[in-house]
């Protein structure tokens, strides 16, 4: 393997993953171009308004977005999957609408 012989693509996908949250919003994970850095997610409400961006720990595969938590799976140093849950604090400027 010769790193200098690798042909890198001229373009990358815009998004890597899409998830819906419990409020009917959509979260889009930006395509990672650098390994080992936090993933960046753009969160939109049910009307399509951008609420903001969230960074998740490197290697976390996000599975569920709750009212006040993020749930995912990450691998430890022995390559064993572990369930991880993180607190999610939503901005007061982004109220839940029924």
PDB file of N, CA and C in Angstrom:
ATOM      1  N   UNK A   1       0.841  -1.189   0.000  1.00  0.00           N
ATOM      2  CA  UNK A   1       0.000   0.000   0.000  1.00  0.00           C
ATOM      3  C   UNK A   1       0.876   1.239   0.000  1.00  0.00           C
ATOM      4  N   UNK A   2       0.634   2.114  -0.944  1.00  0.00           N
ATOM      5  CA  UNK A   2       1.377   3.372  -1.007  1.00  0.00           C
ATOM      6  C   UNK A   2       0.391   4.523  -0.891  1.00  0.00           C
ATOM      7  N   UNK A   3       0.413   5.249   0.233  1.00  0.00           N
ATOM      8  CA  UNK A   3      -0.531   6.366   0.410  1.00  0.00           C
ATOM      9  C   UNK A   3      -0.465   7.395  -0.708  1.00  0.00           C
ATOM     10  N   UNK A   4       0.714   7.613  -1.266  1.00  0.00           N
ATOM     11  CA  UNK A   4       0.834   8.604  -2.334  1.00  0.00           C
ATOM     12  C   UNK A   4       0.175   8.130  -3.637  1.00  0.00           C
ATOM     13  N   UNK A   5      -0.139   6.835  -3.726  1.00  0.00           N
ATOM     14  CA  UNK A   5      -0.774   6.292  -4.927  1.00  0.00           C
ATOM     15  C   UNK A   5      -2.301   6.268  -4.820  1.00  0.00           C
ATOM     16  N   UNK A   6      -2.835   6.642  -3.668  1.00  0.00           N
ATOM     17  CA  UNK A   6      -4.287   6.635  -3.484  1.00  0.00           C
ATOM     18  C   UNK A   6      -4.905   7.784  -4.280  1.00  0.00           C
ATOM     19  N   UNK A   7      -5.939   7.462  -5.016  1.00  0.00           N
ATOM     20  CA  UNK A   7      -6.671   8.478  -5.758  1.00  0.00           C
ATOM     21  C   UNK A   7      -7.889   8.870  -4.934  1.00  0.00           C
ATOM     22  N   UNK A   8      -7.888  10.096  -4.438  1.00  0.00           N
ATOM     23  CA  UNK A   8      -8.989  10.577  -3.604  1.00  0.00           C
ATOM     24  C   UNK A   8     -10.108  11.105  -4.487  1.00  0.00           C
ATOM     25  N   UNK A   9     -11.347  10.885  -4.106  1.00  0.00           N
ATOM     26  CA  UNK A   9     -12.466  11.387  -4.907  1.00  0.00           C
ATOM     27  C   UNK A   9     -12.501  12.911  -4.924  1.00  0.00           C
ATOM     28  N   UNK A  10     -12.996  13.468  -6.003  1.00  0.00           N
ATOM     29  CA  UNK A  10     -13.101  14.921  -6.108  1.00  0.00           C
ATOM     30  C   UNK A  10     -14.302  15.434  -5.325  1.00  0.00           C
ATOM     31  N   UNK A  11     -15.270  14.552  -5.077  1.00  0.00           N
ATOM     32  CA  UNK A  11     -16.485  14.953  -4.356  1.00  0.00           C
ATOM     33  C   UNK A  11     -16.810  13.913  -3.295  1.00  0.00           C
ATOM     34  N   UNK A  12     -17.459  14.358  -2.255  1.00  0.00           N
ATOM     35  CA  UNK A  12     -17.942  13.474  -1.198  1.00  0.00           C
ATOM     36  C   UNK A  12     -19.451  13.637  -1.092  1.00  0.00           C
ATOM     37  N   UNK A  13     -20.148  12.636  -0.548  1.00  0.00           N
ATOM     38  CA  UNK A  13     -21.575  12.827  -0.281  1.00  0.00           C
ATOM     39  C   UNK A  13     -21.762  13.969   0.714  1.00  0.00           C
ATOM     40  N   UNK A  14     -22.899  14.602   0.677  1.00  0.00           N
ATOM     41  CA  UNK A  14     -23.170  15.685   1.626  1.00  0.00           C
ATOM     42  C   UNK A  14     -23.502  15.127   2.997  1.00  0.00           C
ATOM     43  N   UNK A  15     -24.323  14.080   3.034  1.00  0.00           N
ATOM     44  CA  UNK A  15     -24.749  13.525   4.310  1.00  0.00           C
ATOM     45  C   UNK A  15     -24.416  12.046   4.397  1.00  0.00           C
ATOM     46  N   UNK A  16     -24.178  11.597   5.632  1.00  0.00           N
ATOM     47  CA  UNK A  16     -23.810  10.215   5.889  1.00  0.00           C
ATOM     48  C   UNK A  16     -24.980   9.398   6.429  1.00  0.00           C
ATOM     49  N   UNK A  17     -25.859  10.044   7.190  1.00  0.00           N
ATOM     50  CA  UNK A  17     -26.984   9.334   7.820  1.00  0.00           C
ATOM     51  C   UNK A  17     -28.134  10.305   8.044  1.00  0.00           C
ATOM     52  N   UNK A  18     -29.329   9.743   8.193  1.00  0.00           N
ATOM     53  CA  UNK A  18     -30.536  10.519   8.457  1.00  0.00           C
ATOM     54  C   UNK A  18     -31.337   9.786   9.522  1.00  0.00           C
ATOM     55  N   UNK A  19     -31.754  10.498  10.570  1.00  0.00           N
ATOM     56  CA  UNK A  19     -32.587   9.926  11.628  1.00  0.00           C
ATOM     57  C   UNK A  19     -33.737  10.870  11.945  1.00  0.00           C
ATOM     58  N   UNK A  20     -34.863  10.314  12.350  1.00  0.00           N
ATOM     59  CA  UNK A  20     -35.985  11.111  12.828  1.00  0.00           C
ATOM     60  C   UNK A  20     -35.981  11.077  14.351  1.00  0.00           C
ATOM     61  N   UNK A  21     -36.313  12.205  14.976  1.00  0.00           N
ATOM     62  CA  UNK A  21     -36.381  12.224  16.434  1.00  0.00           C
ATOM     63  C   UNK A  21     -37.823  12.059  16.897  1.00  0.00           C
ATOM     64  N   UNK A  22     -38.028  12.015  18.188  1.00  0.00           N
ATOM     65  CA  UNK A  22     -39.365  11.766  18.760  1.00  0.00           C
ATOM     66  C   UNK A  22     -40.324  12.931  18.573  1.00  0.00           C
ATOM     67  N   UNK A  23     -39.812  14.082  18.158  1.00  0.00           N
ATOM     68  CA  UNK A  23     -40.666  15.254  17.929  1.00  0.00           C
ATOM     69  C   UNK A  23     -41.061  15.407  16.464  1.00  0.00           C
ATOM     70  N   UNK A  24     -40.627  14.479  15.633  1.00  0.00           N
ATOM     71  CA  UNK A  24     -40.933  14.576  14.215  1.00  0.00           C
ATOM     72  C   UNK A  24     -39.887  15.349  13.437  1.00  0.00           C
ATOM     73  N   UNK A  25     -38.797  15.688  14.093  1.00  0.00           N
ATOM     74  CA  UNK A  25     -37.705  16.391  13.433  1.00  0.00           C
ATOM     75  C   UNK A  25     -36.793  15.422  12.709  1.00  0.00           C
ATOM     76  N   UNK A  26     -35.897  15.980  11.923  1.00  0.00           N
ATOM     77  CA  UNK A  26     -34.952  15.188  11.151  1.00  0.00           C
ATOM     78  C   UNK A  26     -33.537  15.621  11.514  1.00  0.00           C
ATOM     79  N   UNK A  27     -32.665  14.641  11.700  1.00  0.00           N
ATOM     80  CA  UNK A  27     -31.252  14.886  11.987  1.00  0.00           C
ATOM     81  C   UNK A  27     -30.435  14.314  10.840  1.00  0.00           C
ATOM     82  N   UNK A  28     -29.559  15.121  10.268  1.00  0.00           N
ATOM     83  CA  UNK A  28     -28.710  14.711   9.165  1.00  0.00           C
ATOM     84  C   UNK A  28     -27.254  14.741   9.619  1.00  0.00           C
ATOM     85  N   UNK A  29     -26.569  13.608   9.465  1.00  0.00           N
ATOM     86  CA  UNK A  29     -25.151  13.558   9.808  1.00  0.00           C
ATOM     87  C   UNK A  29     -24.330  13.979   8.592  1.00  0.00           C
ATOM     88  N   UNK A  30     -23.483  14.984   8.760  1.00  0.00           N
ATOM     89  CA  UNK A  30     -22.605  15.431   7.686  1.00  0.00           C
ATOM     90  C   UNK A  30     -21.611  14.310   7.369  1.00  0.00           C
ATOM     91  N   UNK A  31     -21.263  14.178   6.120  1.00  0.00           N
ATOM     92  CA  UNK A  31     -20.330  13.125   5.723  1.00  0.00           C
ATOM     93  C   UNK A  31     -18.953  13.408   6.321  1.00  0.00           C
ATOM     94  N   UNK A  32     -18.375  12.429   7.038  1.00  0.00           N
ATOM     95  CA  UNK A  32     -17.063  12.665   7.656  1.00  0.00           C
ATOM     96  C   UNK A  32     -15.945  12.583   6.613  1.00  0.00           C
ATOM     97  N   UNK A  33     -15.083  13.581   6.606  1.00  0.00           N
ATOM     98  CA  UNK A  33     -13.944  13.550   5.687  1.00  0.00           C
ATOM     99  C   UNK A  33     -12.637  13.309   6.432  1.00  0.00           C
ATOM    100  N   UNK A  34     -12.696  13.340   7.771  1.00  0.00           N
ATOM    101  CA  UNK A  34     -11.512  13.090   8.593  1.00  0.00           C
ATOM    102  C   UNK A  34     -11.872  12.043   9.643  1.00  0.00           C
ATOM    103  N   UNK A  35     -11.185  10.908   9.659  1.00  0.00           N
ATOM    104  CA  UNK A  35     -11.493   9.888  10.668  1.00  0.00           C
ATOM    105  C   UNK A  35     -11.093  10.335  12.071  1.00  0.00           C
ATOM    106  N   UNK A  36     -11.855   9.849  13.066  1.00  0.00           N
ATOM    107  CA  UNK A  36     -11.514  10.105  14.456  1.00  0.00           C
ATOM    108  C   UNK A  36     -11.935  11.450  14.999  1.00  0.00           C
ATOM    109  N   UNK A  37     -12.728  12.203  14.262  1.00  0.00           N
ATOM    110  CA  UNK A  37     -13.220  13.488  14.764  1.00  0.00           C
ATOM    111  C   UNK A  37     -14.701  13.346  15.108  1.00  0.00           C
ATOM    112  N   UNK A  38     -15.232  14.227  15.966  1.00  0.00           N
ATOM    113  CA  UNK A  38     -16.656  14.137  16.298  1.00  0.00           C
ATOM    114  C   UNK A  38     -17.532  14.257  15.048  1.00  0.00           C
ATOM    115  N   UNK A  39     -18.611  13.494  15.041  1.00  0.00           N
ATOM    116  CA  UNK A  39     -19.586  13.592  13.950  1.00  0.00           C
ATOM    117  C   UNK A  39     -20.407  14.866  14.152  1.00  0.00           C
ATOM    118  N   UNK A  40     -20.776  15.505  13.057  1.00  0.00           N
ATOM    119  CA  UNK A  40     -21.585  16.722  13.107  1.00  0.00           C
ATOM    120  C   UNK A  40     -22.959  16.402  12.532  1.00  0.00           C
ATOM    121  N   UNK A  41     -23.997  16.697  13.323  1.00  0.00           N
ATOM    122  CA  UNK A  41     -25.379  16.479  12.920  1.00  0.00           C
ATOM    123  C   UNK A  41     -26.097  17.817  12.837  1.00  0.00           C
ATOM    124  N   UNK A  42     -26.874  18.040  11.784  1.00  0.00           N
ATOM    125  CA  UNK A  42     -27.756  19.199  11.683  1.00  0.00           C
ATOM    126  C   UNK A  42     -29.151  18.735  12.073  1.00  0.00           C
ATOM    127  N   UNK A  43     -29.762  19.451  13.016  1.00  0.00           N
ATOM    128  CA  UNK A  43     -31.094  19.091  13.504  1.00  0.00           C
ATOM    129  C   UNK A  43     -32.128  20.069  12.949  1.00  0.00           C
ATOM    130  N   UNK A  44     -33.202  19.515  12.382  1.00  0.00           N
ATOM    131  CA  UNK A  44     -34.289  20.307  11.811  1.00  0.00           C
ATOM    132  C   UNK A  44     -35.586  19.956  12.528  1.00  0.00           C
ATOM    133  N   UNK A  45     -36.466  20.944  12.707  1.00  0.00           N
ATOM    134  CA  UNK A  45     -37.758  20.632  13.314  1.00  0.00           C
ATOM    135  C   UNK A  45     -38.680  20.037  12.253  1.00  0.00           C
ATOM    136  N   UNK A  46     -39.916  19.721  12.651  1.00  0.00           N
ATOM    137  CA  UNK A  46     -40.847  19.044  11.740  1.00  0.00           C
ATOM    138  C   UNK A  46     -41.272  19.918  10.563  1.00  0.00           C
ATOM    139  N   UNK A  47     -41.046  21.234  10.661  1.00  0.00           N
ATOM    140  CA  UNK A  47     -41.365  22.142   9.561  1.00  0.00           C
ATOM    141  C   UNK A  47     -40.160  22.391   8.655  1.00  0.00           C
ATOM    142  N   UNK A  48     -39.004  21.795   8.997  1.00  0.00           N
ATOM    143  CA  UNK A  48     -37.811  21.957   8.180  1.00  0.00           C
ATOM    144  C   UNK A  48     -36.904  23.096   8.611  1.00  0.00           C
ATOM    145  N   UNK A  49     -37.206  23.743   9.733  1.00  0.00           N
ATOM    146  CA  UNK A  49     -36.384  24.845  10.245  1.00  0.00           C
ATOM    147  C   UNK A  49     -35.128  24.282  10.910  1.00  0.00           C
ATOM    148  N   UNK A  50     -33.969  24.798  10.529  1.00  0.00           N
ATOM    149  CA  UNK A  50     -32.717  24.360  11.139  1.00  0.00           C
ATOM    150  C   UNK A  50     -32.676  24.831  12.587  1.00  0.00           C
ATOM    151  N   UNK A  51     -32.527  23.877  13.507  1.00  0.00           N
ATOM    152  CA  UNK A  51     -32.470  24.193  14.930  1.00  0.00           C
ATOM    153  C   UNK A  51     -31.036  24.399  15.407  1.00  0.00           C
ATOM    154  N   UNK A  52     -30.095  23.730  14.760  1.00  0.00           N
ATOM    155  CA  UNK A  52     -28.705  23.868  15.150  1.00  0.00           C
ATOM    156  C   UNK A  52     -27.913  22.626  14.795  1.00  0.00           C
ATOM    157  N   UNK A  53     -26.669  22.614  15.263  1.00  0.00           N
ATOM    158  CA  UNK A  53     -25.783  21.480  15.018  1.00  0.00           C
ATOM    159  C   UNK A  53     -25.396  20.838  16.341  1.00  0.00           C
ATOM    160  N   UNK A  54     -25.215  19.524  16.293  1.00  0.00           N
ATOM    161  CA  UNK A  54     -24.809  18.748  17.463  1.00  0.00           C
ATOM    162  C   UNK A  54     -23.598  17.921  17.058  1.00  0.00           C
ATOM    163  N   UNK A  55     -22.603  17.872  17.918  1.00  0.00           N
ATOM    164  CA  UNK A  55     -21.423  17.040  17.686  1.00  0.00           C
ATOM    165  C   UNK A  55     -21.506  15.835  18.612  1.00  0.00           C
ATOM    166  N   UNK A  56     -21.301  14.653  18.044  1.00  0.00           N
ATOM    167  CA  UNK A  56     -21.315  13.428  18.834  1.00  0.00           C
ATOM    168  C   UNK A  56     -19.900  12.852  18.891  1.00  0.00           C
ATOM    169  N   UNK A  57     -19.605  12.069  19.922  1.00  0.00           N
ATOM    170  CA  UNK A  57     -18.249  11.530  20.073  1.00  0.00           C
ATOM    171  C   UNK A  57     -17.812  10.705  18.851  1.00  0.00           C
ATOM    172  N   UNK A  58     -16.510  10.747  18.546  1.00  0.00           N
ATOM    173  CA  UNK A  58     -16.004   9.942  17.432  1.00  0.00           C
ATOM    174  C   UNK A  58     -16.335   8.466  17.630  1.00  0.00           C
ATOM    175  N   UNK A  59     -16.756   7.808  16.565  1.00  0.00           N
ATOM    176  CA  UNK A  59     -17.038   6.378  16.622  1.00  0.00           C
ATOM    177  C   UNK A  59     -18.423   6.010  17.123  1.00  0.00           C
ATOM    178  N   UNK A  60     -19.203   6.984  17.573  1.00  0.00           N
ATOM    179  CA  UNK A  60     -20.559   6.689  18.051  1.00  0.00           C
ATOM    180  C   UNK A  60     -21.486   6.550  16.853  1.00  0.00           C
ATOM    181  N   UNK A  61     -22.181   5.422  16.778  1.00  0.00           N
ATOM    182  CA  UNK A  61     -23.219   5.216  15.756  1.00  0.00           C
ATOM    183  C   UNK A  61     -24.544   5.536  16.419  1.00  0.00           C
ATOM    184  N   UNK A  62     -25.083   6.701  16.112  1.00  0.00           N
ATOM    185  CA  UNK A  62     -26.314   7.183  16.734  1.00  0.00           C
ATOM    186  C   UNK A  62     -27.494   6.356  16.234  1.00  0.00           C
ATOM    187  N   UNK A  63     -28.319   5.871  17.169  1.00  0.00           N
ATOM    188  CA  UNK A  63     -29.452   5.013  16.822  1.00  0.00           C
ATOM    189  C   UNK A  63     -30.804   5.641  17.127  1.00  0.00           C
ATOM    190  N   UNK A  64     -30.853   6.460  18.180  1.00  0.00           N
ATOM    191  CA  UNK A  64     -32.144   7.024  18.610  1.00  0.00           C
ATOM    192  C   UNK A  64     -31.936   8.395  19.219  1.00  0.00           C
ATOM    193  N   UNK A  65     -32.882   9.304  18.911  1.00  0.00           N
ATOM    194  CA  UNK A  65     -32.859  10.653  19.464  1.00  0.00           C
ATOM    195  C   UNK A  65     -34.153  10.847  20.227  1.00  0.00           C
ATOM    196  N   UNK A  66     -34.041  10.927  21.543  1.00  0.00           N
ATOM    197  CA  UNK A  66     -35.212  11.096  22.389  1.00  0.00           C
ATOM    198  C   UNK A  66     -35.437  12.547  22.760  1.00  0.00           C
ATOM    199  N   UNK A  67     -36.371  12.765  23.651  1.00  0.00           N
ATOM    200  CA  UNK A  67     -36.660  14.122  24.124  1.00  0.00           C
ATOM    201  C   UNK A  67     -35.450  14.747  24.803  1.00  0.00           C
ATOM    202  N   UNK A  68     -34.745  13.941  25.603  1.00  0.00           N
ATOM    203  CA  UNK A  68     -33.633  14.493  26.382  1.00  0.00           C
ATOM    204  C   UNK A  68     -32.399  13.584  26.365  1.00  0.00           C
ATOM    205  N   UNK A  69     -32.284  12.756  25.335  1.00  0.00           N
ATOM    206  CA  UNK A  69     -31.132  11.855  25.263  1.00  0.00           C
ATOM    207  C   UNK A  69     -30.784  11.497  23.825  1.00  0.00           C
ATOM    208  N   UNK A  70     -29.530  11.084  23.644  1.00  0.00           N
ATOM    209  CA  UNK A  70     -29.051  10.473  22.408  1.00  0.00           C
ATOM    210  C   UNK A  70     -28.599   9.072  22.765  1.00  0.00           C
ATOM    211  N   UNK A  71     -28.999   8.075  21.987  1.00  0.00           N
ATOM    212  CA  UNK A  71     -28.648   6.689  22.258  1.00  0.00           C
ATOM    213  C   UNK A  71     -27.902   6.133  21.053  1.00  0.00           C
ATOM    214  N   UNK A  72     -26.770   5.481  21.327  1.00  0.00           N
ATOM    215  CA  UNK A  72     -25.988   4.944  20.235  1.00  0.00           C
ATOM    216  C   UNK A  72     -25.117   3.794  20.679  1.00  0.00           C
ATOM    217  N   UNK A  73     -24.284   3.332  19.750  1.00  0.00           N
ATOM    218  CA  UNK A  73     -23.373   2.220  20.000  1.00  0.00           C
ATOM    219  C   UNK A  73     -21.975   2.665  19.590  1.00  0.00           C
ATOM    220  N   UNK A  74     -20.999   2.326  20.429  1.00  0.00           N
ATOM    221  CA  UNK A  74     -19.591   2.603  20.126  1.00  0.00           C
ATOM    222  C   UNK A  74     -18.777   1.362  20.466  1.00  0.00           C
ATOM    223  N   UNK A  75     -17.617   1.235  19.869  1.00  0.00           N
ATOM    224  CA  UNK A  75     -16.729   0.107  20.147  1.00  0.00           C
ATOM    225  C   UNK A  75     -15.637   0.556  21.106  1.00  0.00           C
ATOM    226  N   UNK A  76     -15.319  -0.315  22.066  1.00  0.00           N
ATOM    227  CA  UNK A  76     -14.257   0.002  23.015  1.00  0.00           C
ATOM    228  C   UNK A  76     -12.897  -0.414  22.446  1.00  0.00           C
ATOM    229  N   UNK A  77     -11.863  -0.332  23.260  1.00  0.00           N
ATOM    230  CA  UNK A  77     -10.502  -0.635  22.802  1.00  0.00           C
ATOM    231  C   UNK A  77     -10.313  -2.099  22.402  1.00  0.00           C
ATOM    232  N   UNK A  78     -11.211  -2.985  22.865  1.00  0.00           N
ATOM    233  CA  UNK A  78     -11.163  -4.400  22.483  1.00  0.00           C
ATOM    234  C   UNK A  78     -12.111  -4.710  21.325  1.00  0.00           C
ATOM    235  N   UNK A  79     -12.660  -3.656  20.717  1.00  0.00           N
ATOM    236  CA  UNK A  79     -13.580  -3.764  19.583  1.00  0.00           C
ATOM    237  C   UNK A  79     -14.912  -4.408  19.970  1.00  0.00           C
ATOM    238  N   UNK A  80     -15.303  -4.238  21.223  1.00  0.00           N
ATOM    239  CA  UNK A  80     -16.584  -4.750  21.709  1.00  0.00           C
ATOM    240  C   UNK A  80     -17.583  -3.603  21.701  1.00  0.00           C
ATOM    241  N   UNK A  81     -18.756  -3.860  21.104  1.00  0.00           N
ATOM    242  CA  UNK A  81     -19.790  -2.823  21.064  1.00  0.00           C
ATOM    243  C   UNK A  81     -20.339  -2.556  22.449  1.00  0.00           C
ATOM    244  N   UNK A  82     -20.538  -1.274  22.745  1.00  0.00           N
ATOM    245  CA  UNK A  82     -21.140  -0.866  24.006  1.00  0.00           C
ATOM    246  C   UNK A  82     -22.213   0.171  23.725  1.00  0.00           C
ATOM    247  N   UNK A  83     -23.340   0.033  24.416  1.00  0.00           N
ATOM    248  CA  UNK A  83     -24.422   0.999  24.286  1.00  0.00           C
ATOM    249  C   UNK A  83     -24.031   2.247  25.065  1.00  0.00           C
ATOM    250  N   UNK A  84     -24.235   3.403  24.450  1.00  0.00           N
ATOM    251  CA  UNK A  84     -23.908   4.680  25.098  1.00  0.00           C
ATOM    252  C   UNK A  84     -25.130   5.587  25.053  1.00  0.00           C
ATOM    253  N   UNK A  85     -25.385   6.272  26.164  1.00  0.00           N
ATOM    254  CA  UNK A  85     -26.472   7.239  26.223  1.00  0.00           C
ATOM    255  C   UNK A  85     -25.903   8.566  26.699  1.00  0.00           C
ATOM    256  N   UNK A  86     -26.302   9.636  26.034  1.00  0.00           N
ATOM    257  CA  UNK A  86     -25.842  10.979  26.370  1.00  0.00           C
ATOM    258  C   UNK A  86     -27.051  11.882  26.593  1.00  0.00           C
ATOM    259  N   UNK A  87     -26.921  12.799  27.528  1.00  0.00           N
ATOM    260  CA  UNK A  87     -27.989  13.765  27.784  1.00  0.00           C
ATOM    261  C   UNK A  87     -28.085  14.731  26.612  1.00  0.00           C
ATOM    262  N   UNK A  88     -29.297  15.118  26.272  1.00  0.00           N
ATOM    263  CA  UNK A  88     -29.560  16.086  25.213  1.00  0.00           C
ATOM    264  C   UNK A  88     -30.317  17.250  25.824  1.00  0.00           C
ATOM    265  N   UNK A  89     -29.736  18.417  25.736  1.00  0.00           N
ATOM    266  CA  UNK A  89     -30.375  19.622  26.251  1.00  0.00           C
ATOM    267  C   UNK A  89     -30.868  20.422  25.062  1.00  0.00           C
ATOM    268  N   UNK A  90     -32.157  20.545  24.949  1.00  0.00           N
ATOM    269  CA  UNK A  90     -32.733  21.294  23.834  1.00  0.00           C
ATOM    270  C   UNK A  90     -32.872  22.756  24.215  1.00  0.00           C
ATOM    271  N   UNK A  91     -32.686  23.619  23.248  1.00  0.00           N
ATOM    272  CA  UNK A  91     -32.767  25.049  23.480  1.00  0.00           C
ATOM    273  C   UNK A  91     -34.205  25.457  23.765  1.00  0.00           C
ATOM    274  N   UNK A  92     -34.372  26.433  24.613  1.00  0.00           N
ATOM    275  CA  UNK A  92     -35.716  26.959  24.906  1.00  0.00           C
ATOM    276  C   UNK A  92     -36.305  27.628  23.685  1.00  0.00           C
ATOM    277  N   UNK A  93     -35.455  28.051  22.744  1.00  0.00           N
ATOM    278  CA  UNK A  93     -35.945  28.705  21.537  1.00  0.00           C
ATOM    279  C   UNK A  93     -36.477  27.712  20.510  1.00  0.00           C
ATOM    280  N   UNK A  94     -36.376  26.409  20.834  1.00  0.00           N
ATOM    281  CA  UNK A  94     -36.878  25.377  19.922  1.00  0.00           C
ATOM    282  C   UNK A  94     -37.922  24.543  20.658  1.00  0.00           C
ATOM    283  N   UNK A  95     -39.090  25.144  20.968  1.00  0.00           N
ATOM    284  CA  UNK A  95     -40.099  24.429  21.746  1.00  0.00           C
ATOM    285  C   UNK A  95     -40.731  23.281  20.974  1.00  0.00           C
ATOM    286  N   UNK A  96     -41.224  22.339  21.746  1.00  0.00           N
ATOM    287  CA  UNK A  96     -41.942  21.208  21.143  1.00  0.00           C
ATOM    288  C   UNK A  96     -43.330  21.684  20.737  1.00  0.00           C
ATOM    289  N   UNK A  97     -43.693  21.405  19.488  1.00  0.00           N
ATOM    290  CA  UNK A  97     -45.026  21.789  18.992  1.00  0.00           C
ATOM    291  C   UNK A  97     -45.813  20.534  18.690  1.00  0.00           C
ATOM    292  N   UNK A  98     -47.028  20.467  19.170  1.00  0.00           N
ATOM    293  CA  UNK A  98     -47.912  19.317  18.900  1.00  0.00           C
ATOM    294  C   UNK A  98     -48.598  19.527  17.566  1.00  0.00           C
TER     295      UNK A  98
END
